[in-house]
All heavy atoms as atom14 arrays in JSON, in Angstrom:
{
  "sequence": "TAEHGPANDGLVPRPSPSTHPSSPPAVHSDGSSSSATGDGLVPRPSP",
  "atom14_mask": [
    [1, 1, 1, 1, 1, 1, 1, 0, 0, 0, 0, 0, 0, 0],
    [1, 1, 1, 1, 1, 0, 0, 0, 0, 0, 0, 0, 0, 0],
    [1, 1, 1, 1, 1, 1, 1, 1, 1, 0, 0, 0, 0, 0],
    [1, 1, 1, 1, 1, 1, 1, 1, 1, 1, 0, 0, 0, 0],
    [1, 1, 1, 1, 0, 0, 0, 0, 0, 0, 0, 0, 0, 0],
    [1, 1, 1, 1, 1, 1, 1, 0, 0, 0, 0, 0, 0, 0],
    [1, 1, 1, 1, 1, 0, 0, 0, 0, 0, 0, 0, 0, 0],
    [1, 1, 1, 1, 1, 1, 1, 1, 0, 0, 0, 0, 0, 0],
    [1, 1, 1, 1, 1, 1, 1, 1, 0, 0, 0, 0, 0, 0],
    [1, 1, 1, 1, 0, 0, 0, 0, 0, 0, 0, 0, 0, 0],
    [1, 1, 1, 1, 1, 1, 1, 1, 0, 0, 0, 0, 0, 0],
    [1, 1, 1, 1, 1, 1, 1, 0, 0, 0, 0, 0, 0, 0],
    [1, 1, 1, 1, 1, 1, 1, 0, 0, 0, 0, 0, 0, 0],
    [1, 1, 1, 1, 1, 1, 1, 1, 1, 1, 1, 0, 0, 0],
    [1, 1, 1, 1, 1, 1, 1, 0, 0, 0, 0, 0, 0, 0],
    [1, 1, 1, 1, 1, 1, 0, 0, 0, 0, 0, 0, 0, 0],
    [1, 1, 1, 1, 1, 1, 1, 0, 0, 0, 0, 0, 0, 0],
    [1, 1, 1, 1, 1, 1, 0, 0, 0, 0, 0, 0, 0, 0],
    [1, 1, 1, 1, 1, 1, 1, 0, 0, 0, 0, 0, 0, 0],
    [1, 1, 1, 1, 1, 1, 1, 1, 1, 1, 0, 0, 0, 0],
    [1, 1, 1, 1, 1, 1, 1, 0, 0, 0, 0, 0, 0, 0],
    [1, 1, 1, 1, 1, 1, 0, 0, 0, 0, 0, 0, 0, 0],
    [1, 1, 1, 1, 1, 1, 0, 0, 0, 0, 0, 0, 0, 0],
    [1, 1, 1, 1, 1, 1, 1, 0, 0, 0, 0, 0, 0, 0],
    [1, 1, 1, 1, 1, 1, 1, 0, 0, 0, 0, 0, 0, 0],
    [1, 1, 1, 1, 1, 0, 0, 0, 0, 0, 0, 0, 0, 0],
    [1, 1, 1, 1, 1, 1, 1, 0, 0, 0, 0, 0, 0, 0],
    [1, 1, 1, 1, 1, 1, 1, 1, 1, 1, 0, 0, 0, 0],
    [1, 1, 1, 1, 1, 1, 0, 0, 0, 0, 0, 0, 0, 0],
    [1, 1, 1, 1, 1, 1, 1, 1, 0, 0, 0, 0, 0, 0],
    [1, 1, 1, 1, 0, 0, 0, 0, 0, 0, 0, 0, 0, 0],
    [1, 1, 1, 1, 1, 1, 0, 0, 0, 0, 0, 0, 0, 0],
    [1, 1, 1, 1, 1, 1, 0, 0, 0, 0, 0, 0, 0, 0],
    [1, 1, 1, 1, 1, 1, 0, 0, 0, 0, 0, 0, 0, 0],
    [1, 1, 1, 1, 1, 1, 0, 0, 0, 0, 0, 0, 0, 0],
    [1, 1, 1, 1, 1, 0, 0, 0, 0, 0, 0, 0, 0, 0],
    [1, 1, 1, 1, 1, 1, 1, 0, 0, 0, 0, 0, 0, 0],
    [1, 1, 1, 1, 0, 0, 0, 0, 0, 0, 0, 0, 0, 0],
    [1, 1, 1, 1, 1, 1, 1, 1, 0, 0, 0, 0, 0, 0],
    [1, 1, 1, 1, 0, 0, 0, 0, 0, 0, 0, 0, 0, 0],
    [1, 1, 1, 1, 1, 1, 1, 1, 0, 0, 0, 0, 0, 0],
    [1, 1, 1, 1, 1, 1, 1, 0, 0, 0, 0, 0, 0, 0],
    [1, 1, 1, 1, 1, 1, 1, 0, 0, 0, 0, 0, 0, 0],
    [1, 1, 1, 1, 1, 1, 1, 1, 1, 1, 1, 0, 0, 0],
    [1, 1, 1, 1, 1, 1, 1, 0, 0, 0, 0, 0, 0, 0],
    [1, 1, 1, 1, 1, 1, 0, 0, 0, 0, 0, 0, 0, 0],
    [1, 1, 1, 1, 1, 1, 1, 0, 0, 0, 0, 0, 0, 0]
  ],
  "atom14_positions": [
    [[-39.45, 133.81, -4.41], [-38.72, 133.67, -5.67], [-39.69, 133.68, -6.85], [-39.43, 134.3, -7.89], [-37.92, 132.36, -5.67], [-36.99, 132.39, -4.58], [-37.16, 132.18, -6.98], [0.0, 0.0, 0.0], [0.0, 0.0, 0.0], [0.0, 0.0, 0.0], [0.0, 0.0, 0.0], [0.0, 0.0, 0.0], [0.0, 0.0, 0.0], [0.0, 0.0, 0.0]],
    [[-40.82, 133.0, -6.67], [-41.81, 132.95, -7.76], [-42.37, 134.32, -8.06], [-42.62, 134.67, -9.22], [-42.94, 131.98, -7.38], [0.0, 0.0, 0.0], [0.0, 0.0, 0.0], [0.0, 0.0, 0.0], [0.0, 0.0, 0.0], [0.0, 0.0, 0.0], [0.0, 0.0, 0.0], [0.0, 0.0, 0.0], [0.0, 0.0, 0.0], [0.0, 0.0, 0.0]],
    [[-42.58, 135.14, -7.01], [-43.22, 136.44, -7.2], [-42.23, 137.51, -7.66], [-42.56, 138.38, -8.46], [-43.86, 136.88, -5.89], [-45.05, 136.01, -5.47], [-45.52, 136.34, -4.07], [-44.95, 137.28, -3.47], [-46.45, 135.68, -3.58], [0.0, 0.0, 0.0], [0.0, 0.0, 0.0], [0.0, 0.0, 0.0], [0.0, 0.0, 0.0], [0.0, 0.0, 0.0]],
    [[-41.0, 137.44, -7.14], [-40.07, 138.56, -7.38], [-38.78, 138.16, -8.07], [-37.97, 139.03, -8.39], [-39.71, 139.21, -6.04], [-40.9, 139.64, -5.24], [-41.71, 140.67, -5.62], [-41.43, 139.15, -4.08], [-42.7, 140.84, -4.73], [-42.54, 139.91, -3.79], [0.0, 0.0, 0.0], [0.0, 0.0, 0.0], [0.0, 0.0, 0.0], [0.0, 0.0, 0.0]],
    [[-38.58, 136.88, -8.29], [-37.31, 136.44, -8.85], [-36.26, 136.35, -7.76], [-36.51, 136.71, -6.6], [0.0, 0.0, 0.0], [0.0, 0.0, 0.0], [0.0, 0.0, 0.0], [0.0, 0.0, 0.0], [0.0, 0.0, 0.0], [0.0, 0.0, 0.0], [0.0, 0.0, 0.0], [0.0, 0.0, 0.0], [0.0, 0.0, 0.0], [0.0, 0.0, 0.0]],
    [[-35.07, 135.89, -8.1], [-34.01, 135.73, -7.11], [-33.68, 137.06, -6.45], [-33.66, 138.12, -7.08], [-32.82, 135.23, -7.95], [-33.44, 134.65, -9.18], [-34.67, 135.47, -9.44], [0.0, 0.0, 0.0], [0.0, 0.0, 0.0], [0.0, 0.0, 0.0], [0.0, 0.0, 0.0], [0.0, 0.0, 0.0], [0.0, 0.0, 0.0], [0.0, 0.0, 0.0]],
    [[-33.46, 137.01, -5.16], [-33.13, 138.23, -4.41], [-31.8, 138.79, -4.86], [-30.86, 138.06, -5.13], [-33.09, 137.91, -2.91], [0.0, 0.0, 0.0], [0.0, 0.0, 0.0], [0.0, 0.0, 0.0], [0.0, 0.0, 0.0], [0.0, 0.0, 0.0], [0.0, 0.0, 0.0], [0.0, 0.0, 0.0], [0.0, 0.0, 0.0], [0.0, 0.0, 0.0]],
    [[-31.74, 140.12, -4.97], [-30.46, 140.78, -5.27], [-30.47, 142.11, -4.55], [-30.91, 143.12, -5.07], [-30.31, 140.98, -6.78], [-28.97, 141.61, -7.12], [-28.13, 141.8, -6.25], [-28.78, 141.91, -8.4], [0.0, 0.0, 0.0], [0.0, 0.0, 0.0], [0.0, 0.0, 0.0], [0.0, 0.0, 0.0], [0.0, 0.0, 0.0], [0.0, 0.0, 0.0]],
    [[-30.01, 142.08, -3.31], [-30.05, 143.3, -2.51], [-28.79, 144.14, -2.65], [-28.62, 145.14, -1.98], [-30.28, 142.98, -1.03], [-29.24, 142.02, -0.47], [-28.26, 141.75, -1.19], [-29.41, 141.57, 0.68], [0.0, 0.0, 0.0], [0.0, 0.0, 0.0], [0.0, 0.0, 0.0], [0.0, 0.0, 0.0], [0.0, 0.0, 0.0], [0.0, 0.0, 0.0]],
    [[-27.89, 143.7, -3.53], [-26.69, 144.48, -3.76], [-25.63, 144.28, -2.72], [-24.57, 144.91, -2.8], [0.0, 0.0, 0.0], [0.0, 0.0, 0.0], [0.0, 0.0, 0.0], [0.0, 0.0, 0.0], [0.0, 0.0, 0.0], [0.0, 0.0, 0.0], [0.0, 0.0, 0.0], [0.0, 0.0, 0.0], [0.0, 0.0, 0.0], [0.0, 0.0, 0.0]],
    [[-25.89, 143.42, -1.76], [-24.9, 143.19, -0.71], [-23.96, 142.07, -1.11], [-24.37, 141.07, -1.69], [-25.59, 142.84, 0.61], [-26.53, 143.92, 1.18], [-27.18, 143.39, 2.45], [-25.77, 145.2, 1.46], [0.0, 0.0, 0.0], [0.0, 0.0, 0.0], [0.0, 0.0, 0.0], [0.0, 0.0, 0.0], [0.0, 0.0, 0.0], [0.0, 0.0, 0.0]],
    [[-22.7, 142.24, -0.79], [-21.71, 141.21, -1.07], [-21.37, 140.53, 0.24], [-21.01, 141.2, 1.21], [-20.43, 141.83, -1.68], [-19.39, 140.74, -1.92], [-20.77, 142.54, -2.97], [0.0, 0.0, 0.0], [0.0, 0.0, 0.0], [0.0, 0.0, 0.0], [0.0, 0.0, 0.0], [0.0, 0.0, 0.0], [0.0, 0.0, 0.0], [0.0, 0.0, 0.0]],
    [[-21.51, 139.2, 0.34], [-21.17, 138.52, 1.59], [-19.72, 138.8, 1.98], [-18.83, 138.79, 1.14], [-21.37, 137.04, 1.24], [-22.26, 137.03, 0.05], [-21.95, 138.28, -0.7], [0.0, 0.0, 0.0], [0.0, 0.0, 0.0], [0.0, 0.0, 0.0], [0.0, 0.0, 0.0], [0.0, 0.0, 0.0], [0.0, 0.0, 0.0], [0.0, 0.0, 0.0]],
    [[-19.53, 139.06, 3.27], [-18.17, 139.31, 3.76], [-17.4, 137.99, 3.77], [-17.88, 137.0, 4.3], [-18.21, 139.89, 5.16], [-16.84, 140.3, 5.67], [-16.95, 141.04, 6.97], [-17.51, 140.2, 8.02], [-17.71, 140.62, 9.26], [-17.45, 141.86, 9.59], [-18.21, 139.81, 10.16], [0.0, 0.0, 0.0], [0.0, 0.0, 0.0], [0.0, 0.0, 0.0]],
    [[-16.21, 137.95, 3.19], [-15.47, 136.69, 3.16], [-15.02, 136.29, 4.55], [-14.87, 137.12, 5.43], [-14.25, 137.02, 2.27], [-14.1, 138.51, 2.38], [-15.49, 139.05, 2.54], [0.0, 0.0, 0.0], [0.0, 0.0, 0.0], [0.0, 0.0, 0.0], [0.0, 0.0, 0.0], [0.0, 0.0, 0.0], [0.0, 0.0, 0.0], [0.0, 0.0, 0.0]],
    [[-14.83, 134.98, 4.7], [-14.28, 134.47, 5.96], [-12.9, 135.06, 6.18], [-12.16, 135.31, 5.23], [-14.18, 132.94, 5.89], [-13.32, 132.46, 6.86], [0.0, 0.0, 0.0], [0.0, 0.0, 0.0], [0.0, 0.0, 0.0], [0.0, 0.0, 0.0], [0.0, 0.0, 0.0], [0.0, 0.0, 0.0], [0.0, 0.0, 0.0], [0.0, 0.0, 0.0]],
    [[-12.49, 135.31, 7.45], [-11.16, 135.86, 7.7], [-10.06, 135.0, 7.12], [-8.99, 135.49, 6.79], [-11.1, 135.9, 9.24], [-12.5, 135.95, 9.69], [-13.27, 135.17, 8.68], [0.0, 0.0, 0.0], [0.0, 0.0, 0.0], [0.0, 0.0, 0.0], [0.0, 0.0, 0.0], [0.0, 0.0, 0.0], [0.0, 0.0, 0.0], [0.0, 0.0, 0.0]],
    [[-10.3, 133.7, 7.01], [-9.25, 132.82, 6.52], [-9.21, 132.74, 5.0], [-8.35, 132.12, 4.43], [-9.42, 131.42, 7.09], [-10.64, 130.89, 6.66], [0.0, 0.0, 0.0], [0.0, 0.0, 0.0], [0.0, 0.0, 0.0], [0.0, 0.0, 0.0], [0.0, 0.0, 0.0], [0.0, 0.0, 0.0], [0.0, 0.0, 0.0], [0.0, 0.0, 0.0]],
    [[-10.18, 133.36, 4.33], [-10.21, 133.32, 2.88], [-9.42, 134.5, 2.34], [-9.85, 135.63, 2.41], [-11.65, 133.4, 2.35], [-12.41, 132.37, 2.98], [-11.7, 133.2, 0.86], [0.0, 0.0, 0.0], [0.0, 0.0, 0.0], [0.0, 0.0, 0.0], [0.0, 0.0, 0.0], [0.0, 0.0, 0.0], [0.0, 0.0, 0.0], [0.0, 0.0, 0.0]],
    [[-8.26, 134.23, 1.82], [-7.4, 135.3, 1.31], [-7.59, 135.41, -0.19], [-7.61, 134.41, -0.89], [-5.94, 134.99, 1.64], [-5.02, 136.15, 1.44], [-4.49, 136.47, 0.22], [-4.57, 137.08, 2.31], [-3.72, 137.54, 0.34], [-3.75, 137.93, 1.6], [0.0, 0.0, 0.0], [0.0, 0.0, 0.0], [0.0, 0.0, 0.0], [0.0, 0.0, 0.0]],
    [[-7.76, 136.63, -0.7], [-8.02, 136.79, -2.13], [-6.98, 136.12, -3.0], [-7.28, 135.69, -4.1], [-8.03, 138.31, -2.32], [-8.34, 138.87, -0.97], [-7.74, 137.92, 0.02], [0.0, 0.0, 0.0], [0.0, 0.0, 0.0], [0.0, 0.0, 0.0], [0.0, 0.0, 0.0], [0.0, 0.0, 0.0], [0.0, 0.0, 0.0], [0.0, 0.0, 0.0]],
    [[-5.74, 136.06, -2.54], [-4.7, 135.5, -3.38], [-4.49, 134.02, -3.14], [-3.59, 133.42, -3.71], [-3.37, 136.23, -3.12], [-2.98, 136.06, -1.76], [0.0, 0.0, 0.0], [0.0, 0.0, 0.0], [0.0, 0.0, 0.0], [0.0, 0.0, 0.0], [0.0, 0.0, 0.0], [0.0, 0.0, 0.0], [0.0, 0.0, 0.0], [0.0, 0.0, 0.0]],
    [[-5.31, 133.41, -2.3], [-5.13, 131.99, -2.0], [-5.41, 131.16, -3.23], [-6.46, 131.28, -3.86], [-6.07, 131.55, -0.88], [-5.77, 132.22, 0.32], [0.0, 0.0, 0.0], [0.0, 0.0, 0.0], [0.0, 0.0, 0.0], [0.0, 0.0, 0.0], [0.0, 0.0, 0.0], [0.0, 0.0, 0.0], [0.0, 0.0, 0.0], [0.0, 0.0, 0.0]],
    [[-4.48, 130.28, -3.59], [-4.73, 129.39, -4.72], [-5.74, 128.33, -4.34], [-5.96, 128.07, -3.16], [-3.35, 128.78, -4.98], [-2.67, 128.82, -3.65], [-3.18, 130.07, -2.97], [0.0, 0.0, 0.0], [0.0, 0.0, 0.0], [0.0, 0.0, 0.0], [0.0, 0.0, 0.0], [0.0, 0.0, 0.0], [0.0, 0.0, 0.0], [0.0, 0.0, 0.0]],
    [[-6.37, 127.72, -5.33], [-7.31, 126.66, -4.99], [-6.6, 125.46, -4.39], [-5.42, 125.25, -4.6], [-7.93, 126.3, -6.35], [-6.89, 126.71, -7.35], [-6.22, 127.92, -6.77], [0.0, 0.0, 0.0], [0.0, 0.0, 0.0], [0.0, 0.0, 0.0], [0.0, 0.0, 0.0], [0.0, 0.0, 0.0], [0.0, 0.0, 0.0], [0.0, 0.0, 0.0]],
    [[-7.36, 124.68, -3.63], [-6.81, 123.44, -3.09], [-6.78, 122.39, -4.17], [-7.52, 122.45, -5.15], [-7.66, 122.96, -1.92], [0.0, 0.0, 0.0], [0.0, 0.0, 0.0], [0.0, 0.0, 0.0], [0.0, 0.0, 0.0], [0.0, 0.0, 0.0], [0.0, 0.0, 0.0], [0.0, 0.0, 0.0], [0.0, 0.0, 0.0], [0.0, 0.0, 0.0]],
    [[-5.9, 121.43, -3.98], [-5.79, 120.32, -4.92], [-6.4, 119.09, -4.28], [-6.11, 118.78, -3.13], [-4.31, 120.06, -5.26], [-4.2, 118.81, -6.14], [-3.72, 121.25, -5.98], [0.0, 0.0, 0.0], [0.0, 0.0, 0.0], [0.0, 0.0, 0.0], [0.0, 0.0, 0.0], [0.0, 0.0, 0.0], [0.0, 0.0, 0.0], [0.0, 0.0, 0.0]],
    [[-7.25, 118.4, -5.02], [-7.82, 117.15, -4.52], [-6.91, 116.01, -4.91], [-6.08, 116.11, -5.8], [-9.22, 116.94, -5.09], [-10.17, 118.02, -4.7], [-10.4, 118.34, -3.39], [-10.92, 118.87, -5.44], [-11.28, 119.34, -3.33], [-11.59, 119.68, -4.56], [0.0, 0.0, 0.0], [0.0, 0.0, 0.0], [0.0, 0.0, 0.0], [0.0, 0.0, 0.0]],
    [[-7.1, 114.9, -4.23], [-6.21, 113.77, -4.44], [-6.36, 113.15, -5.82], [-5.53, 112.35, -6.23], [-6.45, 112.71, -3.37], [-7.8, 112.31, -3.39], [0.0, 0.0, 0.0], [0.0, 0.0, 0.0], [0.0, 0.0, 0.0], [0.0, 0.0, 0.0], [0.0, 0.0, 0.0], [0.0, 0.0, 0.0], [0.0, 0.0, 0.0], [0.0, 0.0, 0.0]],
    [[-7.41, 113.52, -6.57], [-7.55, 113.0, -7.93], [-6.93, 113.93, -8.96], [-7.03, 113.71, -10.15], [-9.03, 112.76, -8.26], [-9.84, 114.04, -8.24], [-9.28, 115.09, -7.87], [-11.03, 113.99, -8.61], [0.0, 0.0, 0.0], [0.0, 0.0, 0.0], [0.0, 0.0, 0.0], [0.0, 0.0, 0.0], [0.0, 0.0, 0.0], [0.0, 0.0, 0.0]],
    [[-6.27, 114.98, -8.45], [-5.62, 115.92, -9.35], [-6.46, 117.11, -9.73], [-5.95, 118.07, -10.3], [0.0, 0.0, 0.0], [0.0, 0.0, 0.0], [0.0, 0.0, 0.0], [0.0, 0.0, 0.0], [0.0, 0.0, 0.0], [0.0, 0.0, 0.0], [0.0, 0.0, 0.0], [0.0, 0.0, 0.0], [0.0, 0.0, 0.0], [0.0, 0.0, 0.0]],
    [[-7.75, 117.08, -9.41], [-8.61, 118.22, -9.7], [-8.38, 119.31, -8.67], [-7.73, 119.1, -7.66], [-10.08, 117.8, -9.69], [-10.46, 117.37, -8.4], [0.0, 0.0, 0.0], [0.0, 0.0, 0.0], [0.0, 0.0, 0.0], [0.0, 0.0, 0.0], [0.0, 0.0, 0.0], [0.0, 0.0, 0.0], [0.0, 0.0, 0.0], [0.0, 0.0, 0.0]],
    [[-8.9, 120.48, -8.95], [-8.74, 121.57, -7.99], [-10.07, 122.27, -7.84], [-10.97, 122.13, -8.65], [-7.68, 122.57, -8.46], [-8.09, 123.18, -9.68], [0.0, 0.0, 0.0], [0.0, 0.0, 0.0], [0.0, 0.0, 0.0], [0.0, 0.0, 0.0], [0.0, 0.0, 0.0], [0.0, 0.0, 0.0], [0.0, 0.0, 0.0], [0.0, 0.0, 0.0]],
    [[-10.19, 123.01, -6.74], [-11.42, 123.76, -6.5], [-11.14, 124.9, -5.58], [-10.19, 124.88, -4.82], [-12.49, 122.85, -5.89], [-12.1, 122.42, -4.6], [0.0, 0.0, 0.0], [0.0, 0.0, 0.0], [0.0, 0.0, 0.0], [0.0, 0.0, 0.0], [0.0, 0.0, 0.0], [0.0, 0.0, 0.0], [0.0, 0.0, 0.0], [0.0, 0.0, 0.0]],
    [[-11.95, 125.93, -5.69], [-11.82, 127.05, -4.78], [-12.57, 126.75, -3.5], [-13.41, 125.86, -3.46], [-12.38, 128.32, -5.42], [-11.66, 128.62, -6.61], [0.0, 0.0, 0.0], [0.0, 0.0, 0.0], [0.0, 0.0, 0.0], [0.0, 0.0, 0.0], [0.0, 0.0, 0.0], [0.0, 0.0, 0.0], [0.0, 0.0, 0.0], [0.0, 0.0, 0.0]],
    [[-12.28, 127.53, -2.46], [-12.97, 127.32, -1.19], [-14.45, 127.58, -1.35], [-14.87, 128.45, -2.08], [-12.37, 128.23, -0.13], [0.0, 0.0, 0.0], [0.0, 0.0, 0.0], [0.0, 0.0, 0.0], [0.0, 0.0, 0.0], [0.0, 0.0, 0.0], [0.0, 0.0, 0.0], [0.0, 0.0, 0.0], [0.0, 0.0, 0.0], [0.0, 0.0, 0.0]],
    [[-15.24, 126.79, -0.64], [-16.68, 126.93, -0.72], [-17.25, 127.32, 0.61], [-16.58, 127.27, 1.63], [-17.33, 125.59, -1.13], [-17.05, 124.64, -0.1], [-16.8, 125.08, -2.45], [0.0, 0.0, 0.0], [0.0, 0.0, 0.0], [0.0, 0.0, 0.0], [0.0, 0.0, 0.0], [0.0, 0.0, 0.0], [0.0, 0.0, 0.0], [0.0, 0.0, 0.0]],
    [[-18.52, 127.7, 0.61], [-19.3, 127.86, 1.85], [-18.59, 128.62, 2.93], [-18.7, 129.84, 3.02], [0.0, 0.0, 0.0], [0.0, 0.0, 0.0], [0.0, 0.0, 0.0], [0.0, 0.0, 0.0], [0.0, 0.0, 0.0], [0.0, 0.0, 0.0], [0.0, 0.0, 0.0], [0.0, 0.0, 0.0], [0.0, 0.0, 0.0], [0.0, 0.0, 0.0]],
    [[-17.84, 127.91, 3.77], [-17.24, 128.55, 4.92], [-15.92, 129.21, 4.57], [-15.25, 129.75, 5.42], [-17.02, 127.54, 6.05], [-16.19, 126.35, 5.63], [-15.67, 126.38, 4.51], [-16.07, 125.42, 6.44], [0.0, 0.0, 0.0], [0.0, 0.0, 0.0], [0.0, 0.0, 0.0], [0.0, 0.0, 0.0], [0.0, 0.0, 0.0], [0.0, 0.0, 0.0]],
    [[-15.51, 129.13, 3.33], [-14.27, 129.78, 2.94], [-13.05, 129.03, 3.38], [-11.95, 129.54, 3.23], [0.0, 0.0, 0.0], [0.0, 0.0, 0.0], [0.0, 0.0, 0.0], [0.0, 0.0, 0.0], [0.0, 0.0, 0.0], [0.0, 0.0, 0.0], [0.0, 0.0, 0.0], [0.0, 0.0, 0.0], [0.0, 0.0, 0.0], [0.0, 0.0, 0.0]],
    [[-13.21, 127.83, 3.91], [-12.07, 127.14, 4.49], [-11.76, 125.83, 3.79], [-10.62, 125.53, 3.53], [-12.34, 126.84, 5.97], [-12.68, 128.05, 6.83], [-13.01, 127.59, 8.23], [-11.53, 129.04, 6.85], [0.0, 0.0, 0.0], [0.0, 0.0, 0.0], [0.0, 0.0, 0.0], [0.0, 0.0, 0.0], [0.0, 0.0, 0.0], [0.0, 0.0, 0.0]],
    [[-12.77, 125.05, 3.51], [-12.54, 123.68, 3.07], [-13.2, 123.41, 1.74], [-14.42, 123.3, 1.67], [-13.07, 122.67, 4.11], [-12.67, 121.27, 3.71], [-12.54, 123.01, 5.47], [0.0, 0.0, 0.0], [0.0, 0.0, 0.0], [0.0, 0.0, 0.0], [0.0, 0.0, 0.0], [0.0, 0.0, 0.0], [0.0, 0.0, 0.0], [0.0, 0.0, 0.0]],
    [[-12.45, 123.33, 0.67], [-13.06, 122.93, -0.58], [-13.64, 121.53, -0.46], [-12.99, 120.63, 0.04], [-11.88, 122.93, -1.57], [-10.86, 123.81, -0.92], [-11.05, 123.62, 0.55], [0.0, 0.0, 0.0], [0.0, 0.0, 0.0], [0.0, 0.0, 0.0], [0.0, 0.0, 0.0], [0.0, 0.0, 0.0], [0.0, 0.0, 0.0], [0.0, 0.0, 0.0]],
    [[-14.87, 121.38, -0.89], [-15.49, 120.06, -0.8], [-14.87, 119.15, -1.85], [-14.83, 119.48, -3.02], [-16.99, 120.19, -1.05], [-17.73, 118.86, -0.94], [-19.19, 119.06, -1.19], [-19.91, 117.8, -1.15], [-21.19, 117.69, -1.4], [-21.9, 118.74, -1.69], [-21.78, 116.52, -1.34], [0.0, 0.0, 0.0], [0.0, 0.0, 0.0], [0.0, 0.0, 0.0]],
    [[-14.38, 117.99, -1.45], [-13.78, 117.08, -2.43], [-14.78, 116.7, -3.52], [-15.97, 116.52, -3.26], [-13.41, 115.84, -1.58], [-13.28, 116.38, -0.18], [-14.29, 117.48, -0.09], [0.0, 0.0, 0.0], [0.0, 0.0, 0.0], [0.0, 0.0, 0.0], [0.0, 0.0, 0.0], [0.0, 0.0, 0.0], [0.0, 0.0, 0.0], [0.0, 0.0, 0.0]],
    [[-14.28, 116.6, -4.73], [-15.15, 116.19, -5.84], [-15.59, 114.76, -5.64], [-14.93, 113.98, -4.96], [-14.39, 116.32, -7.16], [-13.27, 115.46, -7.14], [0.0, 0.0, 0.0], [0.0, 0.0, 0.0], [0.0, 0.0, 0.0], [0.0, 0.0, 0.0], [0.0, 0.0, 0.0], [0.0, 0.0, 0.0], [0.0, 0.0, 0.0], [0.0, 0.0, 0.0]],
    [[-16.74, 114.36, -6.22], [-17.23, 113.0, -6.03], [-16.2, 111.95, -6.4], [-16.1, 110.91, -5.76], [-18.46, 112.94, -6.94], [-18.92, 114.36, -7.04], [-17.68, 115.19, -7.0], [0.0, 0.0, 0.0], [0.0, 0.0, 0.0], [0.0, 0.0, 0.0], [0.0, 0.0, 0.0], [0.0, 0.0, 0.0], [0.0, 0.0, 0.0], [0.0, 0.0, 0.0]]
  ]
}
């Protein structure tokens, strides 16, 4: 990273099969919402 900057190979990560483009974000119990993260399945609850 120091020598070349952040990698950008032009590749787009393939979404998880369960991540549907039209899926609305999940709602957390505090009323906030978030999109799926990491594995495309489970939005991490806000602190």
